[in-house]
Amino acid sequence: MVYILVIYQKHNIIHNNINPSNIIFDGKRFHLIGLSNATIDLDNTIGNGNDIYSIGLVLFYIIFGKEYNNDIKIDKSIDEKIFYILERMLKENIEDRIKLHEIVDLLDK
């Protein structure tokens, strides 16, 4: 899903509606659909921090089987890299959230 956001970012698209009903898995890869609420960010003023947060919410649910809220602490028993990415995706303050290029760098290592 992160790599899908990279493609969107290259085309200045902010999805604005990432949720389980807009994610399809075909057995090999994930597809992000549902661009009806998408925004074109030609001057790069919006950023994709909310899309990153939304993916964090979906991943949290996939990993832990429950919805995330700010009172829940992320279980450190998961892979250290995934813990770090997820923790930074779910930061309350958008400026503190992990950036898309940082996620890609970590995943590509």
PDB file of N, CA and C in Angstrom:
ATOM      1  N   MET A   1       0.825  -1.194   0.000  1.00  0.00           N
ATOM      2  CA  MET A   1       0.000   0.000   0.000  1.00  0.00           C
ATOM      3  C   MET A   1       0.866   1.254   0.000  1.00  0.00           C
ATOM      4  N   VAL A   2       1.986   1.195   0.673  1.00  0.00           N
ATOM      5  CA  VAL A   2       2.890   2.343   0.714  1.00  0.00           C
ATOM      6  C   VAL A   2       3.397   2.655  -0.690  1.00  0.00           C
ATOM      7  N   TYR A   3       3.736   1.632  -1.448  1.00  0.00           N
ATOM      8  CA  TYR A   3       4.235   1.860  -2.794  1.00  0.00           C
ATOM      9  C   TYR A   3       3.149   2.452  -3.701  1.00  0.00           C
ATOM     10  N   ILE A   4       1.899   2.129  -3.429  1.00  0.00           N
ATOM     11  CA  ILE A   4       0.792   2.746  -4.166  1.00  0.00           C
ATOM     12  C   ILE A   4       0.762   4.244  -3.873  1.00  0.00           C
ATOM     13  N   LEU A   5       0.963   4.614  -2.607  1.00  0.00           N
ATOM     14  CA  LEU A   5       1.001   6.034  -2.264  1.00  0.00           C
ATOM     15  C   LEU A   5       2.167   6.749  -2.946  1.00  0.00           C
ATOM     16  N   VAL A   6       3.265   6.051  -3.145  1.00  0.00           N
ATOM     17  CA  VAL A   6       4.404   6.651  -3.848  1.00  0.00           C
ATOM     18  C   VAL A   6       3.981   7.019  -5.277  1.00  0.00           C
ATOM     19  N   ILE A   7       3.273   6.128  -5.926  1.00  0.00           N
ATOM     20  CA  ILE A   7       2.785   6.412  -7.282  1.00  0.00           C
ATOM     21  C   ILE A   7       1.826   7.599  -7.255  1.00  0.00           C
ATOM     22  N   TYR A   8       0.909   7.592  -6.300  1.00  0.00           N
ATOM     23  CA  TYR A   8      -0.020   8.718  -6.183  1.00  0.00           C
ATOM     24  C   TYR A   8       0.732  10.018  -5.950  1.00  0.00           C
ATOM     25  N   GLN A   9       1.739   9.982  -5.077  1.00  0.00           N
ATOM     26  CA  GLN A   9       2.494  11.190  -4.762  1.00  0.00           C
ATOM     27  C   GLN A   9       3.193  11.740  -6.005  1.00  0.00           C
ATOM     28  N   LYS A  10       3.711  10.848  -6.833  1.00  0.00           N
ATOM     29  CA  LYS A  10       4.372  11.287  -8.072  1.00  0.00           C
ATOM     30  C   LYS A  10       3.404  12.033  -8.982  1.00  0.00           C
ATOM     31  N   HIS A  11       2.116  11.739  -8.830  1.00  0.00           N
ATOM     32  CA  HIS A  11       1.090  12.391  -9.649  1.00  0.00           C
ATOM     33  C   HIS A  11       0.288  13.416  -8.846  1.00  0.00           C
ATOM     34  N   ASN A  12       0.819  13.787  -7.670  1.00  0.00           N
ATOM     35  CA  ASN A  12       0.206  14.814  -6.810  1.00  0.00           C
ATOM     36  C   ASN A  12      -1.209  14.457  -6.363  1.00  0.00           C
ATOM     37  N   ILE A  13      -1.462  13.177  -6.114  1.00  0.00           N
ATOM     38  CA  ILE A  13      -2.786  12.721  -5.689  1.00  0.00           C
ATOM     39  C   ILE A  13      -2.758  12.355  -4.211  1.00  0.00           C
ATOM     40  N   ILE A  14      -3.710  12.898  -3.466  1.00  0.00           N
ATOM     41  CA  ILE A  14      -3.938  12.507  -2.073  1.00  0.00           C
ATOM     42  C   ILE A  14      -5.222  11.676  -2.076  1.00  0.00           C
ATOM     43  N   HIS A  15      -5.178  10.444  -1.608  1.00  0.00           N
ATOM     44  CA  HIS A  15      -6.322   9.527  -1.695  1.00  0.00           C
ATOM     45  C   HIS A  15      -7.508  10.007  -0.867  1.00  0.00           C
ATOM     46  N   ASN A  16      -7.283  10.337   0.393  1.00  0.00           N
ATOM     47  CA  ASN A  16      -8.317  10.857   1.308  1.00  0.00           C
ATOM     48  C   ASN A  16      -9.400   9.872   1.725  1.00  0.00           C
ATOM     49  N   ASN A  17      -9.258   8.600   1.407  1.00  0.00           N
ATOM     50  CA  ASN A  17     -10.317   7.656   1.786  1.00  0.00           C
ATOM     51  C   ASN A  17      -9.765   6.238   1.919  1.00  0.00           C
ATOM     52  N   ILE A  18      -8.624   6.102   2.582  1.00  0.00           N
ATOM     53  CA  ILE A  18      -8.040   4.767   2.752  1.00  0.00           C
ATOM     54  C   ILE A  18      -8.726   4.080   3.921  1.00  0.00           C
ATOM     55  N   ASN A  19      -9.370   2.973   3.619  1.00  0.00           N
ATOM     56  CA  ASN A  19     -10.046   2.156   4.623  1.00  0.00           C
ATOM     57  C   ASN A  19     -10.147   0.746   4.065  1.00  0.00           C
ATOM     58  N   PRO A  20     -10.480  -0.237   4.888  1.00  0.00           N
ATOM     59  CA  PRO A  20     -10.496  -1.629   4.407  1.00  0.00           C
ATOM     60  C   PRO A  20     -11.365  -1.866   3.182  1.00  0.00           C
ATOM     61  N   SER A  21     -12.455  -1.133   3.028  1.00  0.00           N
ATOM     62  CA  SER A  21     -13.312  -1.367   1.867  1.00  0.00           C
ATOM     63  C   SER A  21     -12.700  -0.865   0.563  1.00  0.00           C
ATOM     64  N   ASN A  22     -11.630  -0.076   0.644  1.00  0.00           N
ATOM     65  CA  ASN A  22     -10.950   0.423  -0.551  1.00  0.00           C
ATOM     66  C   ASN A  22      -9.620  -0.277  -0.803  1.00  0.00           C
ATOM     67  N   ILE A  23      -9.410  -1.403  -0.144  1.00  0.00           N
ATOM     68  CA  ILE A  23      -8.184  -2.177  -0.332  1.00  0.00           C
ATOM     69  C   ILE A  23      -8.569  -3.569  -0.821  1.00  0.00           C
ATOM     70  N   ILE A  24      -7.983  -3.950  -1.942  1.00  0.00           N
ATOM     71  CA  ILE A  24      -8.239  -5.272  -2.508  1.00  0.00           C
ATOM     72  C   ILE A  24      -6.911  -6.017  -2.555  1.00  0.00           C
ATOM     73  N   PHE A  25      -6.927  -7.284  -2.141  1.00  0.00           N
ATOM     74  CA  PHE A  25      -5.750  -8.140  -2.224  1.00  0.00           C
ATOM     75  C   PHE A  25      -6.067  -9.245  -3.215  1.00  0.00           C
ATOM     76  N   ASP A  26      -5.277  -9.370  -4.280  1.00  0.00           N
ATOM     77  CA  ASP A  26      -5.561 -10.352  -5.325  1.00  0.00           C
ATOM     78  C   ASP A  26      -4.775 -11.657  -5.139  1.00  0.00           C
ATOM     79  N   GLY A  27      -4.174 -11.831  -3.963  1.00  0.00           N
ATOM     80  CA  GLY A  27      -3.382 -13.022  -3.705  1.00  0.00           C
ATOM     81  C   GLY A  27      -1.895 -12.788  -3.893  1.00  0.00           C
ATOM     82  N   LYS A  28      -1.547 -11.711  -4.611  1.00  0.00           N
ATOM     83  CA  LYS A  28      -0.147 -11.371  -4.835  1.00  0.00           C
ATOM     84  C   LYS A  28       0.183  -9.978  -4.339  1.00  0.00           C
ATOM     85  N   ARG A  29      -0.697  -9.038  -4.590  1.00  0.00           N
ATOM     86  CA  ARG A  29      -0.428  -7.657  -4.189  1.00  0.00           C
ATOM     87  C   ARG A  29      -1.720  -6.949  -3.795  1.00  0.00           C
ATOM     88  N   PHE A  30      -1.522  -5.830  -3.112  1.00  0.00           N
ATOM     89  CA  PHE A  30      -2.639  -5.015  -2.693  1.00  0.00           C
ATOM     90  C   PHE A  30      -2.935  -3.960  -3.752  1.00  0.00           C
ATOM     91  N   HIS A  31      -4.212  -3.614  -3.880  1.00  0.00           N
ATOM     92  CA  HIS A  31      -4.653  -2.559  -4.784  1.00  0.00           C
ATOM     93  C   HIS A  31      -5.489  -1.588  -3.974  1.00  0.00           C
ATOM     94  N   LEU A  32      -5.236  -0.324  -4.169  1.00  0.00           N
ATOM     95  CA  LEU A  32      -5.967   0.729  -3.473  1.00  0.00           C
ATOM     96  C   LEU A  32      -6.946   1.341  -4.460  1.00  0.00           C
ATOM     97  N   ILE A  33      -8.231   1.225  -4.161  1.00  0.00           N
ATOM     98  CA  ILE A  33      -9.269   1.742  -5.053  1.00  0.00           C
ATOM     99  C   ILE A  33     -10.028   2.862  -4.335  1.00  0.00           C
ATOM    100  N   GLY A  34     -11.076   3.357  -4.945  1.00  0.00           N
ATOM    101  CA  GLY A  34     -11.945   4.329  -4.302  1.00  0.00           C
ATOM    102  C   GLY A  34     -11.384   5.732  -4.289  1.00  0.00           C
ATOM    103  N   LEU A  35     -11.076   6.265  -5.445  1.00  0.00           N
ATOM    104  CA  LEU A  35     -10.489   7.604  -5.523  1.00  0.00           C
ATOM    105  C   LEU A  35     -11.545   8.710  -5.607  1.00  0.00           C
ATOM    106  N   SER A  36     -12.777   8.414  -5.252  1.00  0.00           N
ATOM    107  CA  SER A  36     -13.842   9.419  -5.382  1.00  0.00           C
ATOM    108  C   SER A  36     -13.627  10.641  -4.494  1.00  0.00           C
ATOM    109  N   ASN A  37     -12.878  10.500  -3.398  1.00  0.00           N
ATOM    110  CA  ASN A  37     -12.598  11.630  -2.506  1.00  0.00           C
ATOM    111  C   ASN A  37     -11.179  12.185  -2.674  1.00  0.00           C
ATOM    112  N   ALA A  38     -10.491  11.760  -3.732  1.00  0.00           N
ATOM    113  CA  ALA A  38      -9.102  12.160  -3.931  1.00  0.00           C
ATOM    114  C   ALA A  38      -8.982  13.662  -4.174  1.00  0.00           C
ATOM    115  N   THR A  39      -7.825  14.184  -3.828  1.00  0.00           N
ATOM    116  CA  THR A  39      -7.499  15.594  -4.015  1.00  0.00           C
ATOM    117  C   THR A  39      -6.238  15.676  -4.851  1.00  0.00           C
ATOM    118  N   ILE A  40      -6.214  16.626  -5.772  1.00  0.00           N
ATOM    119  CA  ILE A  40      -5.004  16.896  -6.538  1.00  0.00           C
ATOM    120  C   ILE A  40      -4.226  17.973  -5.785  1.00  0.00           C
ATOM    121  N   ASP A  41      -2.986  17.674  -5.466  1.00  0.00           N
ATOM    122  CA  ASP A  41      -2.142  18.570  -4.665  1.00  0.00           C
ATOM    123  C   ASP A  41      -1.000  19.108  -5.534  1.00  0.00           C
ATOM    124  N   LEU A  42      -1.342  19.930  -6.506  1.00  0.00           N
ATOM    125  CA  LEU A  42      -0.354  20.403  -7.481  1.00  0.00           C
ATOM    126  C   LEU A  42       0.750  21.236  -6.863  1.00  0.00           C
ATOM    127  N   ASP A  43       0.431  22.012  -5.824  1.00  0.00           N
ATOM    128  CA  ASP A  43       1.463  22.854  -5.224  1.00  0.00           C
ATOM    129  C   ASP A  43       2.103  22.226  -3.987  1.00  0.00           C
ATOM    130  N   ASN A  44       1.805  20.939  -3.748  1.00  0.00           N
ATOM    131  CA  ASN A  44       2.381  20.173  -2.632  1.00  0.00           C
ATOM    132  C   ASN A  44       2.180  20.834  -1.268  1.00  0.00           C
ATOM    133  N   THR A  45       1.033  21.410  -1.040  1.00  0.00           N
ATOM    134  CA  THR A  45       0.759  22.046   0.251  1.00  0.00           C
ATOM    135  C   THR A  45      -0.004  21.135   1.199  1.00  0.00           C
ATOM    136  N   ILE A  46      -0.678  20.124   0.658  1.00  0.00           N
ATOM    137  CA  ILE A  46      -1.491  19.241   1.506  1.00  0.00           C
ATOM    138  C   ILE A  46      -0.633  18.139   2.118  1.00  0.00           C
ATOM    139  N   GLY A  47       0.148  17.468   1.312  1.00  0.00           N
ATOM    140  CA  GLY A  47       0.958  16.344   1.792  1.00  0.00           C
ATOM    141  C   GLY A  47       0.099  15.106   1.983  1.00  0.00           C
ATOM    142  N   ASN A  48       0.734  13.977   2.239  1.00  0.00           N
ATOM    143  CA  ASN A  48       0.001  12.718   2.366  1.00  0.00           C
ATOM    144  C   ASN A  48       0.008  12.188   3.796  1.00  0.00           C
ATOM    145  N   GLY A  49       0.167  13.070   4.771  1.00  0.00           N
ATOM    146  CA  GLY A  49       0.180  12.645   6.173  1.00  0.00           C
ATOM    147  C   GLY A  49      -1.089  11.944   6.609  1.00  0.00           C
ATOM    148  N   ASN A  50      -2.242  12.384   6.112  1.00  0.00           N
ATOM    149  CA  ASN A  50      -3.495  11.724   6.493  1.00  0.00           C
ATOM    150  C   ASN A  50      -3.632  10.358   5.846  1.00  0.00           C
ATOM    151  N   ASP A  51      -3.145  10.217   4.597  1.00  0.00           N
ATOM    152  CA  ASP A  51      -3.158   8.901   3.961  1.00  0.00           C
ATOM    153  C   ASP A  51      -2.250   7.937   4.716  1.00  0.00           C
ATOM    154  N   ILE A  52      -1.101   8.409   5.169  1.00  0.00           N
ATOM    155  CA  ILE A  52      -0.182   7.572   5.945  1.00  0.00           C
ATOM    156  C   ILE A  52      -0.844   7.135   7.251  1.00  0.00           C
ATOM    157  N   TYR A  53      -1.515   8.062   7.922  1.00  0.00           N
ATOM    158  CA  TYR A  53      -2.229   7.730   9.159  1.00  0.00           C
ATOM    159  C   TYR A  53      -3.299   6.669   8.884  1.00  0.00           C
ATOM    160  N   SER A  54      -4.030   6.835   7.791  1.00  0.00           N
ATOM    161  CA  SER A  54      -5.088   5.879   7.453  1.00  0.00           C
ATOM    162  C   SER A  54      -4.533   4.488   7.193  1.00  0.00           C
ATOM    163  N   ILE A  55      -3.411   4.409   6.489  1.00  0.00           N
ATOM    164  CA  ILE A  55      -2.786   3.104   6.281  1.00  0.00           C
ATOM    165  C   ILE A  55      -2.330   2.525   7.614  1.00  0.00           C
ATOM    166  N   GLY A  56      -1.811   3.369   8.496  1.00  0.00           N
ATOM    167  CA  GLY A  56      -1.432   2.907   9.841  1.00  0.00           C
ATOM    168  C   GLY A  56      -2.613   2.304  10.585  1.00  0.00           C
ATOM    169  N   LEU A  57      -3.781   2.935  10.469  1.00  0.00           N
ATOM    170  CA  LEU A  57      -4.983   2.396  11.121  1.00  0.00           C
ATOM    171  C   LEU A  57      -5.352   1.028  10.569  1.00  0.00           C
ATOM    172  N   VAL A  58      -5.283   0.895   9.249  1.00  0.00           N
ATOM    173  CA  VAL A  58      -5.604  -0.387   8.618  1.00  0.00           C
ATOM    174  C   VAL A  58      -4.596  -1.450   9.030  1.00  0.00           C
ATOM    175  N   LEU A  59      -3.301  -1.110   9.002  1.00  0.00           N
ATOM    176  CA  LEU A  59      -2.273  -2.075   9.396  1.00  0.00           C
ATOM    177  C   LEU A  59      -2.417  -2.490  10.857  1.00  0.00           C
ATOM    178  N   PHE A  60      -2.726  -1.526  11.719  1.00  0.00           N
ATOM    179  CA  PHE A  60      -2.930  -1.843  13.130  1.00  0.00           C
ATOM    180  C   PHE A  60      -4.045  -2.881  13.271  1.00  0.00           C
ATOM    181  N   TYR A  61      -5.135  -2.674  12.549  1.00  0.00           N
ATOM    182  CA  TYR A  61      -6.257  -3.614  12.633  1.00  0.00           C
ATOM    183  C   TYR A  61      -5.859  -4.997  12.101  1.00  0.00           C
ATOM    184  N   ILE A  62      -5.119  -5.014  10.987  1.00  0.00           N
ATOM    185  CA  ILE A  62      -4.679  -6.289  10.417  1.00  0.00           C
ATOM    186  C   ILE A  62      -3.772  -7.037  11.400  1.00  0.00           C
ATOM    187  N   ILE A  63      -2.844  -6.323  12.032  1.00  0.00           N
ATOM    188  CA  ILE A  63      -1.869  -6.955  12.919  1.00  0.00           C
ATOM    189  C   ILE A  63      -2.484  -7.373  14.253  1.00  0.00           C
ATOM    190  N   PHE A  64      -3.296  -6.488  14.853  1.00  0.00           N
ATOM    191  CA  PHE A  64      -3.772  -6.720  16.218  1.00  0.00           C
ATOM    192  C   PHE A  64      -5.243  -7.122  16.323  1.00  0.00           C
ATOM    193  N   GLY A  65      -5.991  -7.027  15.229  1.00  0.00           N
ATOM    194  CA  GLY A  65      -7.381  -7.453  15.232  1.00  0.00           C
ATOM    195  C   GLY A  65      -8.319  -6.549  16.002  1.00  0.00           C
ATOM    196  N   LYS A  66      -7.926  -5.309  16.213  1.00  0.00           N
ATOM    197  CA  LYS A  66      -8.795  -4.349  16.890  1.00  0.00           C
ATOM    198  C   LYS A  66      -8.502  -2.960  16.364  1.00  0.00           C
ATOM    199  N   GLU A  67      -9.462  -2.071  16.540  1.00  0.00           N
ATOM    200  CA  GLU A  67      -9.294  -0.703  16.070  1.00  0.00           C
ATOM    201  C   GLU A  67      -8.371   0.066  16.992  1.00  0.00           C
ATOM    202  N   TYR A  68      -7.598   0.947  16.400  1.00  0.00           N
ATOM    203  CA  TYR A  68      -6.649   1.753  17.142  1.00  0.00           C
ATOM    204  C   TYR A  68      -7.325   3.006  17.694  1.00  0.00           C
ATOM    205  N   ASN A  69      -6.927   3.382  18.897  1.00  0.00           N
ATOM    206  CA  ASN A  69      -7.238   4.715  19.414  1.00  0.00           C
ATOM    207  C   ASN A  69      -6.018   5.174  20.202  1.00  0.00           C
ATOM    208  N   ASN A  70      -5.961   6.451  20.512  1.00  0.00           N
ATOM    209  CA  ASN A  70      -4.763   7.023  21.142  1.00  0.00           C
ATOM    210  C   ASN A  70      -4.440   6.444  22.510  1.00  0.00           C
ATOM    211  N   ASP A  71      -5.398   5.766  23.140  1.00  0.00           N
ATOM    212  CA  ASP A  71      -5.160   5.176  24.458  1.00  0.00           C
ATOM    213  C   ASP A  71      -4.458   3.825  24.382  1.00  0.00           C
ATOM    214  N   ILE A  72      -4.429   3.234  23.199  1.00  0.00           N
ATOM    215  CA  ILE A  72      -3.839   1.906  23.019  1.00  0.00           C
ATOM    216  C   ILE A  72      -2.354   2.037  22.738  1.00  0.00           C
ATOM    217  N   LYS A  73      -1.564   1.275  23.427  1.00  0.00           N
ATOM    218  CA  LYS A  73      -0.124   1.219  23.175  1.00  0.00           C
ATOM    219  C   LYS A  73       0.143   0.095  22.180  1.00  0.00           C
ATOM    220  N   ILE A  74       1.038   0.355  21.251  1.00  0.00           N
ATOM    221  CA  ILE A  74       1.369  -0.643  20.243  1.00  0.00           C
ATOM    222  C   ILE A  74       2.233  -1.718  20.882  1.00  0.00           C
ATOM    223  N   ASP A  75       1.833  -2.966  20.693  1.00  0.00           N
ATOM    224  CA  ASP A  75       2.538  -4.115  21.261  1.00  0.00           C
ATOM    225  C   ASP A  75       3.916  -4.243  20.623  1.00  0.00           C
ATOM    226  N   LYS A  76       4.956  -4.206  21.447  1.00  0.00           N
ATOM    227  CA  LYS A  76       6.330  -4.253  20.950  1.00  0.00           C
ATOM    228  C   LYS A  76       6.785  -5.652  20.555  1.00  0.00           C
ATOM    229  N   SER A  77       5.887  -6.624  20.610  1.00  0.00           N
ATOM    230  CA  SER A  77       6.284  -7.985  20.246  1.00  0.00           C
ATOM    231  C   SER A  77       6.368  -8.161  18.726  1.00  0.00           C
ATOM    232  N   ILE A  78       5.921  -7.183  17.947  1.00  0.00           N
ATOM    233  CA  ILE A  78       6.012  -7.287  16.497  1.00  0.00           C
ATOM    234  C   ILE A  78       7.421  -6.915  16.043  1.00  0.00           C
ATOM    235  N   ASP A  79       7.729  -7.186  14.799  1.00  0.00           N
ATOM    236  CA  ASP A  79       9.031  -6.862  14.218  1.00  0.00           C
ATOM    237  C   ASP A  79       9.408  -5.417  14.538  1.00  0.00           C
ATOM    238  N   GLU A  80      10.654  -5.194  14.913  1.00  0.00           N
ATOM    239  CA  GLU A  80      11.122  -3.870  15.353  1.00  0.00           C
ATOM    240  C   GLU A  80      10.916  -2.790  14.286  1.00  0.00           C
ATOM    241  N   LYS A  81      11.201  -3.122  13.031  1.00  0.00           N
ATOM    242  CA  LYS A  81      11.036  -2.158  11.950  1.00  0.00           C
ATOM    243  C   LYS A  81       9.563  -1.815  11.750  1.00  0.00           C
ATOM    244  N   ILE A  82       8.702  -2.826  11.777  1.00  0.00           N
ATOM    245  CA  ILE A  82       7.259  -2.604  11.616  1.00  0.00           C
ATOM    246  C   ILE A  82       6.721  -1.806  12.799  1.00  0.00           C
ATOM    247  N   PHE A  83       7.201  -2.107  14.001  1.00  0.00           N
ATOM    248  CA  PHE A  83       6.787  -1.345  15.185  1.00  0.00           C
ATOM    249  C   PHE A  83       7.124   0.133  15.006  1.00  0.00           C
ATOM    250  N   TYR A  84       8.344   0.423  14.568  1.00  0.00           N
ATOM    251  CA  TYR A  84       8.792   1.798  14.394  1.00  0.00           C
ATOM    252  C   TYR A  84       7.937   2.520  13.343  1.00  0.00           C
ATOM    253  N   ILE A  85       7.713   1.867  12.196  1.00  0.00           N
ATOM    254  CA  ILE A  85       6.915   2.479  11.134  1.00  0.00           C
ATOM    255  C   ILE A  85       5.496   2.728  11.610  1.00  0.00           C
ATOM    256  N   LEU A  86       4.889   1.718  12.214  1.00  0.00           N
ATOM    257  CA  LEU A  86       3.502   1.838  12.669  1.00  0.00           C
ATOM    258  C   LEU A  86       3.356   2.918  13.739  1.00  0.00           C
ATOM    259  N   GLU A  87       4.277   2.939  14.678  1.00  0.00           N
ATOM    260  CA  GLU A  87       4.238   3.943  15.736  1.00  0.00           C
ATOM    261  C   GLU A  87       4.304   5.355  15.140  1.00  0.00           C
ATOM    262  N   ARG A  88       5.169   5.540  14.159  1.00  0.00           N
ATOM    263  CA  ARG A  88       5.315   6.864  13.533  1.00  0.00           C
ATOM    264  C   ARG A  88       4.144   7.194  12.603  1.00  0.00           C
ATOM    265  N   MET A  89       3.516   6.185  11.996  1.00  0.00           N
ATOM    266  CA  MET A  89       2.336   6.431  11.160  1.00  0.00           C
ATOM    267  C   MET A  89       1.177   6.972  11.986  1.00  0.00           C
ATOM    268  N   LEU A  90       1.093   6.519  13.218  1.00  0.00           N
ATOM    269  CA  LEU A  90      -0.065   6.820  14.058  1.00  0.00           C
ATOM    270  C   LEU A  90       0.157   7.993  15.006  1.00  0.00           C
ATOM    271  N   LYS A  91       1.183   8.788  14.757  1.00  0.00           N
ATOM    272  CA  LYS A  91       1.408   9.978  15.584  1.00  0.00           C
ATOM    273  C   LYS A  91       0.218  10.919  15.433  1.00  0.00           C
ATOM    274  N   GLU A  92      -0.216  11.488  16.553  1.00  0.00           N
ATOM    275  CA  GLU A  92      -1.369  12.381  16.533  1.00  0.00           C
ATOM    276  C   GLU A  92      -1.081  13.652  15.732  1.00  0.00           C
ATOM    277  N   ASN A  93       0.088  14.210  15.921  1.00  0.00           N
ATOM    278  CA  ASN A  93       0.469  15.436  15.234  1.00  0.00           C
ATOM    279  C   ASN A  93       0.999  15.082  13.842  1.00  0.00           C
ATOM    280  N   ILE A  94       0.390  15.619  12.819  1.00  0.00           N
ATOM    281  CA  ILE A  94       0.748  15.267  11.439  1.00  0.00           C
ATOM    282  C   ILE A  94       2.214  15.555  11.121  1.00  0.00           C
ATOM    283  N   GLU A  95       2.783  16.591  11.722  1.00  0.00           N
ATOM    284  CA  GLU A  95       4.189  16.915  11.480  1.00  0.00           C
ATOM    285  C   GLU A  95       5.135  15.858  12.052  1.00  0.00           C
ATOM    286  N   ASP A  96       4.678  15.089  13.044  1.00  0.00           N
ATOM    287  CA  ASP A  96       5.498  14.060  13.672  1.00  0.00           C
ATOM    288  C   ASP A  96       5.411  12.711  12.960  1.00  0.00           C
ATOM    289  N   ARG A  97       4.461  12.580  12.040  1.00  0.00           N
ATOM    290  CA  ARG A  97       4.286  11.305  11.346  1.00  0.00           C
ATOM    291  C   ARG A  97       5.445  11.033  10.406  1.00  0.00           C
ATOM    292  N   ILE A  98       5.714   9.761  10.228  1.00  0.00           N
ATOM    293  CA  ILE A  98       6.764   9.331   9.309  1.00  0.00           C
ATOM    294  C   ILE A  98       6.402   9.777   7.897  1.00  0.00           C
ATOM    295  N   LYS A  99       7.395  10.150   7.145  1.00  0.00           N
ATOM    296  CA  LYS A  99       7.198  10.581   5.761  1.00  0.00           C
ATOM    297  C   LYS A  99       7.251   9.360   4.850  1.00  0.00           C
ATOM    298  N   LEU A 100       6.590   9.490   3.725  1.00  0.00           N
ATOM    299  CA  LEU A 100       6.496   8.387   2.779  1.00  0.00           C
ATOM    300  C   LEU A 100       7.870   7.884   2.346  1.00  0.00           C
ATOM    301  N   HIS A 101       8.789   8.781   2.038  1.00  0.00           N
ATOM    302  CA  HIS A 101      10.125   8.356   1.592  1.00  0.00           C
ATOM    303  C   HIS A 101      10.869   7.622   2.710  1.00  0.00           C
ATOM    304  N   GLU A 102      10.610   7.959   3.992  1.00  0.00           N
ATOM    305  CA  GLU A 102      11.247   7.249   5.101  1.00  0.00           C
ATOM    306  C   GLU A 102      10.733   5.820   5.187  1.00  0.00           C
ATOM    307  N   ILE A 103       9.430   5.646   4.977  1.00  0.00           N
ATOM    308  CA  ILE A 103       8.851   4.288   5.009  1.00  0.00           C
ATOM    309  C   ILE A 103       9.470   3.450   3.905  1.00  0.00           C
ATOM    310  N   VAL A 104       9.521   4.000   2.708  1.00  0.00           N
ATOM    311  CA  VAL A 104      10.089   3.265   1.566  1.00  0.00           C
ATOM    312  C   VAL A 104      11.543   2.906   1.842  1.00  0.00           C
ATOM    313  N   ASP A 105      12.322   3.836   2.365  1.00  0.00           N
ATOM    314  CA  ASP A 105      13.730   3.548   2.686  1.00  0.00           C
ATOM    315  C   ASP A 105      13.834   2.396   3.683  1.00  0.00           C
ATOM    316  N   LEU A 106      12.994   2.404   4.709  1.00  0.00           N
ATOM    317  CA  LEU A 106      13.034   1.338   5.705  1.00  0.00           C
ATOM    318  C   LEU A 106      12.597  -0.001   5.128  1.00  0.00           C
ATOM    319  N   LEU A 107      11.574   0.005   4.292  1.00  0.00           N
ATOM    320  CA  LEU A 107      11.075  -1.236   3.711  1.00  0.00           C
ATOM    321  C   LEU A 107      12.056  -1.820   2.696  1.00  0.00           C
ATOM    322  N   ASP A 108      12.794  -0.958   2.039  1.00  0.00           N
ATOM    323  CA  ASP A 108      13.741  -1.420   1.024  1.00  0.00           C
ATOM    324  C   ASP A 108      15.055  -1.935   1.604  1.00  0.00           C
ATOM    325  N   LYS A 109      15.294  -1.750   2.915  1.00  0.00           N
ATOM    326  CA  LYS A 109      16.540  -2.222   3.538  1.00  0.00           C
ATOM    327  C   LYS A 109      16.501  -3.708   3.762  1.00  0.00           C
TER     328      LYS A 109
END
